[in-house]
Amino acid sequence: MGCRAASGRALQTVLRRDGSTSSTRSTTMSTESPIPSLPTKIDPARSKVPKPRHVPSVDSVTTINADGSRYFLHPADAHGWFTRWRRHSGLALIAFYLLLPWINVGGYPAVFLDVAERRFHFFGFTLAAQDVWLLFFGVSGLGFALFFLTALFGRLWCGWACPHTVYLDHVYRRIERMIDGDALQRRQLDLAPMGAGKLFRRVLKHGLYILASLFITHLFLSYFVSLPEVWHMMGEAPGEHRGMFLFVFIAAGILYFNFAWFREQLCIVLCPYGRLQSALTDDHSLVIGYDAKRGEPKGRLGTPDAGACVACNRCVQVCPTGIDIRHGLQMECVGCAACIDACDEVMAKVNRPKGLIRYDSLVGFAGGKTHWLRPRTIVYGILLLVGVGVATFAFSTVKPAGFTVMRMSSAAYFVTADDVRNQFMVRLLNKRNEPAVFTVSLDGLRAGFSQDGLTSAVTVAALAEQVSPLVLHVDRKHYTGPFKLKISVQDQSRTFTLTRQVEFLGPDARLLLEEDHDKGIKR
């Protein structure tokens, strides 16, 4: 970079770590990895022709060349407080994802979406298919929480917790750095002719990418069929589980394509969150920015009247989306804070105060005071509290059993010489992970009423259902016409009661009296 010629020795040490184009950097390549090294001098006749130096601009996406082709980024490593804690949080999130299928809660994995049996287990809380509507409140709550956090802290989710960022930065890019080396070495590798060393690195790197993608996909599948079942499927021929086999390899292929090639384009092109940022944030939202008052005009060390920025471009070299944060807040910024650590490292080397690039609001960068409590955050906070309240109430209404009453097909009612009869099917669903005993009772009965079926307690196995017939009779002499009654279900410990109202159907009572009169029957 241009500032390297005039900067001090300490600053040169920092810049060389980023992947600068200094020829002296190539002498350390053989110490980075035991993998066969590439030639330090590249034959122009056999190598790719390097494109002109790519300078970030607010007028165009950085990853597009002037001729419209893809510009592949090789972000350098940053070192500092934010990078360290991002790595810790990212590894913790990956461990959380990896361990959930192994953690047993109530006899099932902590998170187990058993689609085949229509049961959804969340840390011991089981939802049946009839309860899936509750997920609407859960998803809405997450949406309001994201709006609220974005209004306060900008794209904190993107840089610190988004699965795409977490896996790209802490798995796939770790593999790439281990195989191909630092940013300078990766750029040199791209320009080098295909030889034994480059071929070996490419095959090894992409082989590890494929293995990582397959591992992630198999673990994802275990959220739906459980780990023992995944292991069982892996031991059988693919034709035995053709659907699962295709799912795993198609999903792994998508992951491989995304993390090996598409990468930051997902954030820039596909993800709508960056575009929503302008609607969700305001001038008081916490964002990553550049203090232009302190940094401008840029100048190398020793330049008279220059600002704090030494124009080293280190912030650009570590950016995973290739932007220059000094141009202001941009859609491509994912809030990873790599530029903060990079700039702070340079400032420390040149004995200048840190914080030239930092977390602050646009108002703060302009010298004003950031207001955390403002109409936007109040509205989002109220929506979040309402969502949490409604979701809490909705989930509190979930009972550990399901109960439905359906009228049998065919005729709505039957009339015999002695009575009027209605026939129902009662479905009892046990959502618990252990057998449960239920008692069925009827309320609103009239004289001459009798029932067949469900006269004694019913035992339903764990996470099972039982459908039983219920036949209701009313003697003709006590029948006065259709009426409503309630059918209730209680568990053995009487912790809850489920009630359904049904209607006992039949003909007009006068028609039965006329029929009896015509036949000379007295009741």
Protein backbone atom coordinates (compact mmCIF):
# COMPACT_ATOMS: atom_id res chain seq x y z
CA MET A 1 0.00 0.00 0.00
CA GLY A 2 1.08 3.60 -0.55
CA CYS A 3 1.54 4.51 3.10
CA ARG A 4 4.00 1.73 3.69
CA ALA A 5 6.94 3.57 2.10
CA ALA A 6 6.68 6.53 4.48
CA SER A 7 5.40 4.84 7.61
CA GLY A 8 7.53 3.68 10.51
CA ARG A 9 8.92 0.20 10.96
CA ALA A 10 6.20 -0.66 13.48
CA LEU A 11 3.44 0.27 11.04
CA GLN A 12 5.07 -1.81 8.31
CA THR A 13 4.88 -4.84 10.60
CA VAL A 14 1.13 -4.39 10.95
CA LEU A 15 0.46 -3.83 7.29
CA ARG A 16 2.42 -6.85 6.15
CA ARG A 17 0.11 -9.07 8.15
CA ASP A 18 -2.89 -7.98 6.11
CA GLY A 19 -1.76 -9.25 2.75
CA SER A 20 0.05 -6.28 1.31
CA THR A 21 1.91 -6.57 -1.96
CA SER A 22 5.40 -6.28 -0.51
CA SER A 23 7.76 -8.73 -2.22
CA THR A 24 9.53 -9.38 1.11
CA ARG A 25 6.36 -11.01 2.40
CA SER A 26 6.76 -13.94 0.02
CA THR A 27 9.85 -15.17 1.84
CA THR A 28 7.68 -16.35 4.76
CA MET A 29 5.26 -18.42 2.75
CA SER A 30 7.00 -21.71 3.36
CA THR A 31 6.59 -21.30 7.14
CA GLU A 32 2.82 -20.93 7.07
CA SER A 33 1.94 -24.51 6.22
CA PRO A 34 3.57 -27.86 5.55
CA ILE A 35 1.72 -28.01 2.25
CA PRO A 36 4.01 -27.72 -0.81
CA SER A 37 4.82 -24.06 -1.38
CA LEU A 38 4.29 -22.09 -4.57
CA PRO A 39 7.07 -20.34 -6.48
CA THR A 40 7.79 -16.87 -5.10
CA LYS A 41 8.16 -15.55 -8.65
CA ILE A 42 5.29 -16.03 -11.02
CA ASP A 43 5.89 -16.64 -14.69
CA PRO A 44 3.90 -13.91 -16.52
CA ALA A 45 3.50 -16.15 -19.55
CA ARG A 46 1.73 -18.88 -17.60
CA SER A 47 -0.02 -16.98 -14.84
CA LYS A 48 -3.35 -15.23 -14.93
CA VAL A 49 -3.21 -11.60 -15.91
CA PRO A 50 -3.94 -9.59 -12.75
CA LYS A 51 -6.75 -7.07 -13.04
CA PRO A 52 -6.14 -3.42 -12.19
CA ARG A 53 -6.10 -2.52 -8.52
CA HIS A 54 -9.64 -2.60 -7.19
CA VAL A 55 -10.64 0.53 -5.28
CA PRO A 56 -13.94 0.43 -3.28
CA SER A 57 -16.53 2.94 -4.38
CA VAL A 58 -19.97 3.94 -3.13
CA ASP A 59 -21.17 3.97 -6.73
CA SER A 60 -20.67 0.25 -7.34
CA VAL A 61 -20.52 -3.02 -5.47
CA THR A 62 -16.90 -3.78 -4.66
CA THR A 63 -17.11 -7.38 -5.81
CA ILE A 64 -17.82 -6.43 -9.44
CA ASN A 65 -14.99 -5.58 -11.83
CA ALA A 66 -15.25 -2.86 -14.43
CA ASP A 67 -15.92 -5.50 -17.09
CA GLY A 68 -18.76 -6.98 -15.04
CA SER A 69 -16.87 -10.07 -13.89
CA ARG A 70 -16.70 -11.24 -10.29
CA TYR A 71 -13.97 -9.75 -8.11
CA PHE A 72 -13.02 -12.34 -5.50
CA LEU A 73 -12.20 -10.96 -2.09
CA HIS A 74 -9.40 -12.22 0.14
CA PRO A 75 -10.01 -10.43 3.44
CA ALA A 76 -7.00 -10.28 5.71
CA ASP A 77 -7.04 -11.36 9.34
CA ALA A 78 -7.79 -8.74 11.96
CA HIS A 79 -6.59 -8.99 15.55
CA GLY A 80 -8.19 -7.28 18.49
CA TRP A 81 -10.89 -7.26 21.15
CA PHE A 82 -13.88 -7.44 18.79
CA THR A 83 -12.35 -10.14 16.60
CA ARG A 84 -11.53 -12.22 19.66
CA TRP A 85 -15.02 -11.99 21.14
CA ARG A 86 -16.66 -12.54 17.74
CA ARG A 87 -14.67 -15.76 17.48
CA HIS A 88 -15.70 -16.83 20.99
CA SER A 89 -19.37 -16.07 20.35
CA GLY A 90 -19.27 -17.73 16.92
CA LEU A 91 -17.73 -20.91 18.27
CA ALA A 92 -20.28 -20.90 21.12
CA LEU A 93 -23.14 -20.65 18.59
CA ILE A 94 -21.67 -23.47 16.50
CA ALA A 95 -21.30 -25.63 19.63
CA PHE A 96 -24.90 -24.83 20.57
CA TYR A 97 -26.08 -25.98 17.13
CA LEU A 98 -23.94 -29.11 17.24
CA LEU A 99 -24.93 -30.16 20.76
CA LEU A 100 -28.70 -29.64 20.66
CA PRO A 101 -29.45 -33.02 18.99
CA TRP A 102 -27.28 -34.75 21.62
CA ILE A 103 -28.87 -33.14 24.70
CA ASN A 104 -31.73 -35.25 26.05
CA VAL A 105 -34.66 -33.46 27.69
CA GLY A 106 -37.63 -35.54 28.76
CA GLY A 107 -36.61 -38.50 26.66
CA TYR A 108 -36.16 -36.55 23.41
CA PRO A 109 -33.47 -34.27 21.92
CA ALA A 110 -33.60 -30.71 23.21
CA VAL A 111 -34.90 -29.59 19.80
CA PHE A 112 -36.59 -32.34 17.79
CA LEU A 113 -38.96 -31.48 14.94
CA ASP A 114 -40.54 -34.89 14.44
CA VAL A 115 -42.42 -34.17 11.22
CA ALA A 116 -43.27 -37.85 10.59
CA GLU A 117 -45.14 -38.11 13.90
CA ARG A 118 -46.28 -34.48 13.85
CA ARG A 119 -44.62 -33.75 17.20
CA PHE A 120 -42.33 -30.81 17.89
CA HIS A 121 -40.16 -30.93 21.01
CA PHE A 122 -38.50 -27.79 22.41
CA PHE A 123 -36.52 -28.32 25.60
CA GLY A 124 -39.10 -30.66 27.10
CA PHE A 125 -42.10 -28.71 25.78
CA THR A 126 -44.02 -30.71 23.18
CA LEU A 127 -46.31 -29.27 20.52
CA ALA A 128 -48.64 -31.37 18.43
CA ALA A 129 -49.60 -30.55 14.86
CA GLN A 130 -52.70 -28.77 16.21
CA ASP A 131 -50.44 -26.39 18.14
CA VAL A 132 -48.25 -25.29 15.22
CA TRP A 133 -50.26 -22.08 14.97
CA LEU A 134 -48.46 -20.98 18.13
CA LEU A 135 -45.21 -20.75 16.16
CA PHE A 136 -46.68 -17.66 14.48
CA PHE A 137 -46.33 -15.81 17.77
CA GLY A 138 -42.81 -17.16 18.26
CA VAL A 139 -41.69 -16.02 14.81
CA SER A 140 -43.44 -12.67 15.21
CA GLY A 141 -41.71 -12.18 18.55
CA LEU A 142 -38.32 -12.87 16.95
CA GLY A 143 -39.16 -10.39 14.20
CA PHE A 144 -40.07 -7.63 16.67
CA ALA A 145 -36.93 -8.42 18.70
CA LEU A 146 -34.81 -8.07 15.55
CA PHE A 147 -36.46 -4.72 14.72
CA PHE A 148 -35.85 -3.47 18.25
CA LEU A 149 -32.21 -4.58 18.37
CA THR A 150 -31.55 -3.17 14.89
CA ALA A 151 -32.97 0.21 15.89
CA LEU A 152 -30.59 0.22 18.87
CA PHE A 153 -27.47 -1.56 17.62
CA GLY A 154 -27.66 -1.64 13.82
CA ARG A 155 -26.63 -4.87 12.09
CA LEU A 156 -25.41 -6.60 15.23
CA TRP A 157 -27.21 -9.77 14.13
CA CYS A 158 -25.43 -9.91 10.77
CA GLY A 159 -21.91 -9.57 12.12
CA TRP A 160 -22.22 -11.61 15.30
CA ALA A 161 -25.01 -14.20 15.12
CA CYS A 162 -26.18 -14.80 11.53
CA PRO A 163 -25.56 -18.50 10.69
CA HIS A 164 -24.10 -17.55 7.32
CA THR A 165 -21.54 -15.22 8.88
CA VAL A 166 -20.78 -17.60 11.75
CA TYR A 167 -20.04 -20.60 9.53
CA LEU A 168 -18.27 -18.61 6.83
CA ASP A 169 -15.91 -16.80 9.19
CA HIS A 170 -15.32 -19.50 11.79
CA VAL A 171 -15.35 -22.68 9.70
CA TYR A 172 -14.82 -22.19 5.97
CA ARG A 173 -12.47 -19.22 6.09
CA ARG A 174 -10.51 -20.94 8.86
CA ILE A 175 -10.04 -23.90 6.50
CA GLU A 176 -9.00 -21.55 3.70
CA ARG A 177 -6.43 -19.75 5.83
CA MET A 178 -5.05 -23.07 7.07
CA ILE A 179 -4.58 -24.41 3.51
CA ASP A 180 -3.91 -21.34 1.36
CA GLY A 181 -2.31 -18.99 3.88
CA ASP A 182 -2.93 -15.31 4.52
CA ALA A 183 -4.48 -12.78 2.16
CA LEU A 184 -1.29 -12.11 0.20
CA GLN A 185 -0.60 -15.81 -0.23
CA ARG A 186 -4.17 -16.44 -1.41
CA ARG A 187 -3.93 -13.71 -4.02
CA GLN A 188 -0.60 -15.06 -5.21
CA LEU A 189 -2.10 -18.53 -5.35
CA ASP A 190 -4.92 -17.26 -7.56
CA LEU A 191 -2.41 -15.74 -9.99
CA ALA A 192 -0.05 -18.72 -9.96
CA PRO A 193 -0.18 -21.27 -12.82
CA MET A 194 -1.78 -24.61 -12.05
CA GLY A 195 0.92 -26.91 -10.77
CA ALA A 196 1.28 -29.75 -8.30
CA GLY A 197 1.33 -27.44 -5.27
CA LYS A 198 -1.69 -25.40 -6.33
CA LEU A 199 -3.66 -28.47 -7.40
CA PHE A 200 -2.95 -30.17 -4.09
CA ARG A 201 -4.12 -27.13 -2.14
CA ARG A 202 -7.27 -26.74 -4.23
CA VAL A 203 -8.26 -30.40 -3.90
CA LEU A 204 -7.55 -30.46 -0.17
CA LYS A 205 -9.40 -27.22 0.53
CA HIS A 206 -12.51 -28.08 -1.45
CA GLY A 207 -12.48 -31.61 -0.09
CA LEU A 208 -12.63 -30.19 3.43
CA TYR A 209 -15.38 -27.78 2.31
CA ILE A 210 -17.43 -30.74 1.06
CA LEU A 211 -16.87 -32.72 4.27
CA ALA A 212 -17.87 -29.72 6.39
CA SER A 213 -21.01 -29.19 4.28
CA LEU A 214 -21.99 -32.87 4.55
CA PHE A 215 -21.42 -32.83 8.31
CA ILE A 216 -23.56 -29.71 8.81
CA THR A 217 -26.32 -31.12 6.61
CA HIS A 218 -26.39 -34.51 8.36
CA LEU A 219 -26.60 -32.76 11.70
CA PHE A 220 -29.39 -30.56 10.38
CA LEU A 221 -31.27 -33.68 9.31
CA SER A 222 -30.96 -35.05 12.86
CA TYR A 223 -33.17 -32.18 14.04
CA PHE A 224 -36.00 -33.89 12.13
CA VAL A 225 -35.31 -37.62 12.43
CA SER A 226 -32.96 -37.83 15.49
CA LEU A 227 -29.27 -38.74 15.54
CA PRO A 228 -29.78 -42.53 16.02
CA GLU A 229 -32.04 -42.59 12.97
CA VAL A 230 -29.52 -40.60 10.89
CA TRP A 231 -26.80 -43.05 11.90
CA HIS A 232 -29.08 -45.96 10.99
CA MET A 233 -29.82 -44.43 7.57
CA MET A 234 -26.12 -43.93 6.90
CA GLY A 235 -25.55 -47.65 7.44
CA GLU A 236 -28.07 -48.65 4.79
CA ALA A 237 -28.16 -48.38 1.02
CA PRO A 238 -29.16 -44.94 -0.36
CA GLY A 239 -32.14 -46.52 -2.11
CA GLU A 240 -33.67 -47.43 1.25
CA HIS A 241 -34.04 -43.75 2.11
CA ARG A 242 -33.98 -42.10 -1.28
CA GLY A 243 -35.74 -38.90 -0.18
CA MET A 244 -33.41 -38.28 2.74
CA PHE A 245 -30.38 -39.16 0.63
CA LEU A 246 -31.33 -36.60 -2.02
CA PHE A 247 -32.11 -33.98 0.60
CA VAL A 248 -28.73 -34.34 2.30
CA PHE A 249 -26.69 -34.15 -0.89
CA ILE A 250 -28.71 -31.33 -2.44
CA ALA A 251 -28.54 -29.31 0.78
CA ALA A 252 -24.82 -30.06 1.15
CA GLY A 253 -24.29 -28.97 -2.46
CA ILE A 254 -26.06 -25.67 -1.77
CA LEU A 255 -23.94 -25.11 1.34
CA TYR A 256 -20.76 -25.94 -0.56
CA PHE A 257 -21.68 -23.56 -3.40
CA ASN A 258 -22.51 -20.78 -0.96
CA PHE A 259 -19.46 -21.04 1.30
CA ALA A 260 -16.92 -21.99 -1.35
CA TRP A 261 -17.92 -19.52 -4.07
CA PHE A 262 -20.97 -17.31 -3.42
CA ARG A 263 -19.91 -16.12 0.04
CA GLU A 264 -20.43 -12.39 0.64
CA GLN A 265 -22.75 -12.24 -2.38
CA LEU A 266 -25.46 -13.80 -0.21
CA CYS A 267 -25.32 -10.75 2.07
CA ILE A 268 -25.06 -8.27 -0.77
CA VAL A 269 -27.41 -9.76 -3.38
CA LEU A 270 -29.89 -12.12 -1.72
CA CYS A 271 -30.38 -11.14 1.92
CA PRO A 272 -33.01 -8.38 2.26
CA TYR A 273 -31.86 -7.35 5.72
CA GLY A 274 -29.19 -4.96 4.44
CA ARG A 275 -31.79 -3.14 2.37
CA LEU A 276 -34.17 -3.02 5.32
CA GLN A 277 -31.44 -1.40 7.39
CA SER A 278 -32.30 2.07 6.09
CA ALA A 279 -35.90 1.61 7.22
CA LEU A 280 -35.09 0.08 10.63
CA THR A 281 -32.30 2.42 11.75
CA ASP A 282 -31.95 6.15 12.19
CA ASP A 283 -29.17 8.62 12.98
CA HIS A 284 -29.12 7.51 16.63
CA SER A 285 -28.68 3.79 15.92
CA LEU A 286 -25.32 2.30 16.89
CA VAL A 287 -23.32 1.55 13.74
CA ILE A 288 -19.70 1.14 12.72
CA GLY A 289 -18.33 4.31 11.20
CA TYR A 290 -15.32 6.47 10.53
CA ASP A 291 -14.65 9.67 12.44
CA ALA A 292 -14.07 12.00 9.48
CA LYS A 293 -13.58 15.04 11.72
CA ARG A 294 -10.57 13.42 13.29
CA GLY A 295 -9.31 11.42 10.33
CA GLU A 296 -9.48 13.94 7.47
CA PRO A 297 -7.55 14.90 5.52
CA LYS A 298 -5.85 11.55 5.14
CA GLY A 299 -2.10 11.54 4.96
CA ARG A 300 0.96 9.41 5.48
CA LEU A 301 2.98 9.66 8.64
CA GLY A 302 4.82 12.94 8.70
CA THR A 303 2.51 14.70 6.24
CA PRO A 304 1.89 18.27 7.47
CA ASP A 305 -1.67 19.12 8.55
CA ALA A 306 -2.83 15.55 7.90
CA GLY A 307 -5.57 13.96 9.99
CA ALA A 308 -5.31 10.84 12.12
CA CYS A 309 -5.95 8.49 9.16
CA VAL A 310 -2.61 7.36 7.72
CA ALA A 311 -4.27 6.10 4.50
CA CYS A 312 -2.99 2.56 5.06
CA ASN A 313 -6.23 1.00 3.78
CA ARG A 314 -5.99 -1.67 6.45
CA CYS A 315 -9.72 -1.24 7.15
CA VAL A 316 -10.44 -2.13 3.51
CA GLN A 317 -8.12 -5.13 3.49
CA VAL A 318 -9.86 -6.84 6.44
CA CYS A 319 -13.44 -6.08 5.31
CA PRO A 320 -15.29 -9.31 4.35
CA THR A 321 -17.46 -7.43 1.85
CA GLY A 322 -14.67 -5.24 0.46
CA ILE A 323 -16.09 -1.81 1.30
CA ASP A 324 -14.23 1.26 2.52
CA ILE A 325 -15.94 2.23 5.78
CA ARG A 326 -14.43 5.72 5.39
CA HIS A 327 -17.01 6.37 2.67
CA GLY A 328 -19.76 6.21 5.28
CA LEU A 329 -22.45 3.68 6.25
CA GLN A 330 -23.14 1.31 3.35
CA MET A 331 -25.59 -1.48 2.63
CA GLU A 332 -22.79 -4.04 2.33
CA CYS A 333 -21.49 -3.46 5.88
CA VAL A 334 -22.39 -6.45 8.05
CA GLY A 335 -21.15 -4.93 11.31
CA CYS A 336 -18.38 -7.45 11.92
CA ALA A 337 -16.09 -4.83 13.53
CA ALA A 338 -12.98 -6.18 11.75
CA CYS A 339 -12.18 -2.65 10.54
CA ILE A 340 -12.31 -1.38 14.14
CA ASP A 341 -9.69 -3.85 15.30
CA ALA A 342 -7.54 -3.26 12.21
CA CYS A 343 -7.59 0.51 12.64
CA ASP A 344 -7.00 0.34 16.40
CA GLU A 345 -3.99 -1.91 15.78
CA VAL A 346 -2.50 0.63 13.38
CA MET A 347 -3.24 3.56 15.72
CA ALA A 348 -1.49 1.75 18.56
CA LYS A 349 1.58 1.16 16.37
CA VAL A 350 1.84 4.83 15.42
CA ASN A 351 1.06 6.07 18.97
CA ARG A 352 -2.22 7.70 18.13
CA PRO A 353 -5.54 7.37 20.06
CA LYS A 354 -7.75 4.45 19.11
CA GLY A 355 -11.34 4.85 18.00
CA LEU A 356 -10.86 6.46 14.60
CA ILE A 357 -13.20 3.72 13.39
CA ARG A 358 -15.59 2.68 16.13
CA TYR A 359 -19.12 1.81 17.19
CA ASP A 360 -21.12 5.04 17.44
CA SER A 361 -24.21 6.67 16.01
CA LEU A 362 -24.17 9.05 13.05
CA VAL A 363 -25.17 11.77 15.50
CA GLY A 364 -22.23 10.79 17.70
CA PHE A 365 -19.79 10.98 14.80
CA ALA A 366 -21.12 14.48 14.06
CA GLY A 367 -20.35 15.51 17.64
CA GLY A 368 -23.89 15.22 19.04
CA LYS A 369 -25.37 13.09 21.81
CA THR A 370 -26.89 9.70 21.03
CA HIS A 371 -30.43 9.21 22.35
CA TRP A 372 -31.28 5.60 23.10
CA LEU A 373 -34.87 6.36 24.09
CA ARG A 374 -36.63 7.82 21.07
CA PRO A 375 -39.95 7.29 19.20
CA ARG A 376 -38.60 4.48 17.02
CA THR A 377 -37.20 2.43 19.90
CA ILE A 378 -40.30 3.12 22.01
CA VAL A 379 -42.63 1.85 19.27
CA TYR A 380 -40.48 -1.20 18.56
CA GLY A 381 -40.16 -1.86 22.29
CA ILE A 382 -43.94 -1.70 22.77
CA LEU A 383 -44.47 -4.05 19.82
CA LEU A 384 -41.90 -6.42 21.29
CA LEU A 385 -43.56 -6.39 24.72
CA VAL A 386 -47.00 -6.93 23.17
CA GLY A 387 -45.64 -9.79 21.08
CA VAL A 388 -43.97 -11.39 24.10
CA GLY A 389 -47.15 -10.99 26.15
CA VAL A 390 -49.40 -12.49 23.49
CA ALA A 391 -46.94 -15.33 22.85
CA THR A 392 -46.70 -16.07 26.58
CA PHE A 393 -50.48 -16.16 26.91
CA ALA A 394 -50.86 -18.31 23.80
CA PHE A 395 -48.28 -20.85 24.96
CA SER A 396 -49.84 -20.92 28.44
CA THR A 397 -53.10 -22.14 26.90
CA VAL A 398 -51.43 -25.26 25.52
CA LYS A 399 -52.63 -28.35 27.35
CA PRO A 400 -50.74 -31.66 27.55
CA ALA A 401 -53.57 -33.36 25.67
CA GLY A 402 -55.66 -32.91 22.56
CA PHE A 403 -59.35 -33.64 22.26
CA THR A 404 -61.70 -33.56 19.26
CA VAL A 405 -65.23 -34.86 18.71
CA MET A 406 -66.36 -35.74 15.18
CA ARG A 407 -69.72 -36.95 14.04
CA MET A 408 -69.55 -40.30 12.28
CA SER A 409 -70.03 -40.28 8.55
CA SER A 410 -73.33 -41.41 7.02
CA ALA A 411 -76.58 -40.16 8.56
CA ALA A 412 -76.52 -37.33 11.09
CA TYR A 413 -78.90 -39.26 13.34
CA PHE A 414 -80.82 -42.54 13.46
CA VAL A 415 -84.38 -43.12 14.60
CA THR A 416 -85.51 -46.55 15.78
CA ALA A 417 -88.74 -47.80 17.36
CA ASP A 418 -87.30 -47.09 20.81
CA ASP A 419 -84.93 -44.14 20.59
CA VAL A 420 -83.11 -41.44 18.64
CA ARG A 421 -79.36 -42.10 18.24
CA ASN A 422 -76.33 -39.93 17.44
CA GLN A 423 -72.88 -41.45 16.76
CA PHE A 424 -69.56 -39.70 17.36
CA MET A 425 -65.86 -40.49 17.21
CA VAL A 426 -63.81 -39.08 20.09
CA ARG A 427 -60.10 -38.54 19.46
CA LEU A 428 -57.80 -38.32 22.49
CA LEU A 429 -54.20 -37.17 21.97
CA ASN A 430 -51.56 -37.53 24.68
CA LYS A 431 -48.77 -34.93 24.23
CA ARG A 432 -46.81 -36.11 27.23
CA ASN A 433 -43.74 -38.29 27.10
CA GLU A 434 -45.43 -40.83 29.39
CA PRO A 435 -48.78 -42.70 29.36
CA ALA A 436 -51.79 -40.74 30.57
CA VAL A 437 -55.23 -41.74 31.85
CA PHE A 438 -58.25 -39.69 30.76
CA THR A 439 -61.87 -39.64 31.89
CA VAL A 440 -64.69 -38.57 29.54
CA SER A 441 -67.83 -37.03 31.00
CA LEU A 442 -70.99 -35.50 29.55
CA ASP A 443 -72.81 -32.38 30.76
CA GLY A 444 -76.31 -31.20 29.84
CA LEU A 445 -77.97 -34.60 29.70
CA ARG A 446 -81.74 -35.03 29.80
CA ALA A 447 -84.08 -37.68 31.08
CA GLY A 448 -84.02 -40.91 29.10
CA PHE A 449 -80.44 -40.27 27.95
CA SER A 450 -77.85 -43.07 27.77
CA GLN A 451 -74.42 -43.60 26.24
CA ASP A 452 -72.38 -46.46 24.82
CA GLY A 453 -68.60 -46.19 24.87
CA LEU A 454 -66.12 -44.23 26.96
CA THR A 455 -67.93 -45.11 30.17
CA SER A 456 -64.63 -45.87 31.92
CA ALA A 457 -61.18 -44.28 32.06
CA VAL A 458 -59.06 -44.44 28.91
CA THR A 459 -55.29 -44.97 28.93
CA VAL A 460 -53.36 -43.42 26.04
CA ALA A 461 -49.70 -44.25 25.46
CA ALA A 462 -46.99 -41.58 25.48
CA LEU A 463 -47.21 -39.24 22.49
CA ALA A 464 -49.97 -41.36 21.03
CA GLU A 465 -53.61 -40.92 20.18
CA GLN A 466 -56.70 -43.06 20.49
CA VAL A 467 -59.98 -42.77 18.61
CA SER A 468 -63.05 -44.30 20.31
CA PRO A 469 -66.75 -44.43 19.33
CA LEU A 470 -69.31 -42.66 21.46
CA VAL A 471 -72.99 -43.47 20.83
CA LEU A 472 -75.67 -41.34 22.52
CA HIS A 473 -79.32 -42.44 22.88
CA VAL A 474 -82.51 -40.63 23.90
CA ASP A 475 -85.74 -42.56 24.46
CA ARG A 476 -88.47 -41.53 22.07
CA LYS A 477 -90.86 -40.62 24.87
CA HIS A 478 -88.27 -38.20 26.36
CA TYR A 479 -87.10 -36.76 23.07
CA THR A 480 -88.18 -33.12 22.66
CA GLY A 481 -86.01 -32.11 19.72
CA PRO A 482 -82.34 -31.28 19.01
CA PHE A 483 -80.33 -29.94 21.94
CA LYS A 484 -76.74 -29.11 22.83
CA LEU A 485 -74.50 -30.86 25.35
CA LYS A 486 -70.88 -30.67 26.46
CA ILE A 487 -68.33 -33.47 26.37
CA SER A 488 -65.39 -32.99 28.75
CA VAL A 489 -62.06 -34.74 29.22
CA GLN A 490 -59.95 -34.68 32.39
CA ASP A 491 -56.62 -36.23 33.18
CA GLN A 492 -56.30 -38.55 36.17
CA SER A 493 -54.82 -35.87 38.43
CA ARG A 494 -57.45 -33.33 37.30
CA THR A 495 -54.84 -30.72 36.38
CA PHE A 496 -56.79 -29.62 33.31
CA THR A 497 -60.18 -30.02 31.64
CA LEU A 498 -60.90 -29.89 27.91
CA THR A 499 -64.48 -29.28 26.80
CA ARG A 500 -66.19 -29.52 23.44
CA GLN A 501 -69.80 -28.63 22.70
CA VAL A 502 -71.77 -30.84 20.33
CA GLU A 503 -75.37 -30.89 19.19
CA PHE A 504 -77.62 -33.90 19.50
CA LEU A 505 -79.53 -33.94 16.22
CA GLY A 506 -82.86 -35.49 15.43
CA PRO A 507 -86.22 -34.93 13.71
CA ASP A 508 -88.92 -32.59 14.90
CA ALA A 509 -90.45 -34.18 18.01
CA ARG A 510 -93.98 -33.62 16.62
CA LEU A 511 -93.21 -35.91 13.72
CA LEU A 512 -92.35 -38.72 16.12
CA LEU A 513 -95.59 -38.12 18.06
CA GLU A 514 -97.61 -38.25 14.85
CA GLU A 515 -95.87 -41.47 13.84
CA ASP A 516 -96.63 -43.05 17.23
CA HIS A 517 -100.25 -41.84 17.04
CA ASP A 518 -100.71 -43.35 13.59
CA LYS A 519 -99.32 -46.66 14.87
CA GLY A 520 -101.43 -46.48 18.03
CA ILE A 521 -98.35 -46.45 20.28
CA LYS A 522 -98.63 -44.69 23.63
CA ARG A 523 -95.43 -43.68 25.42
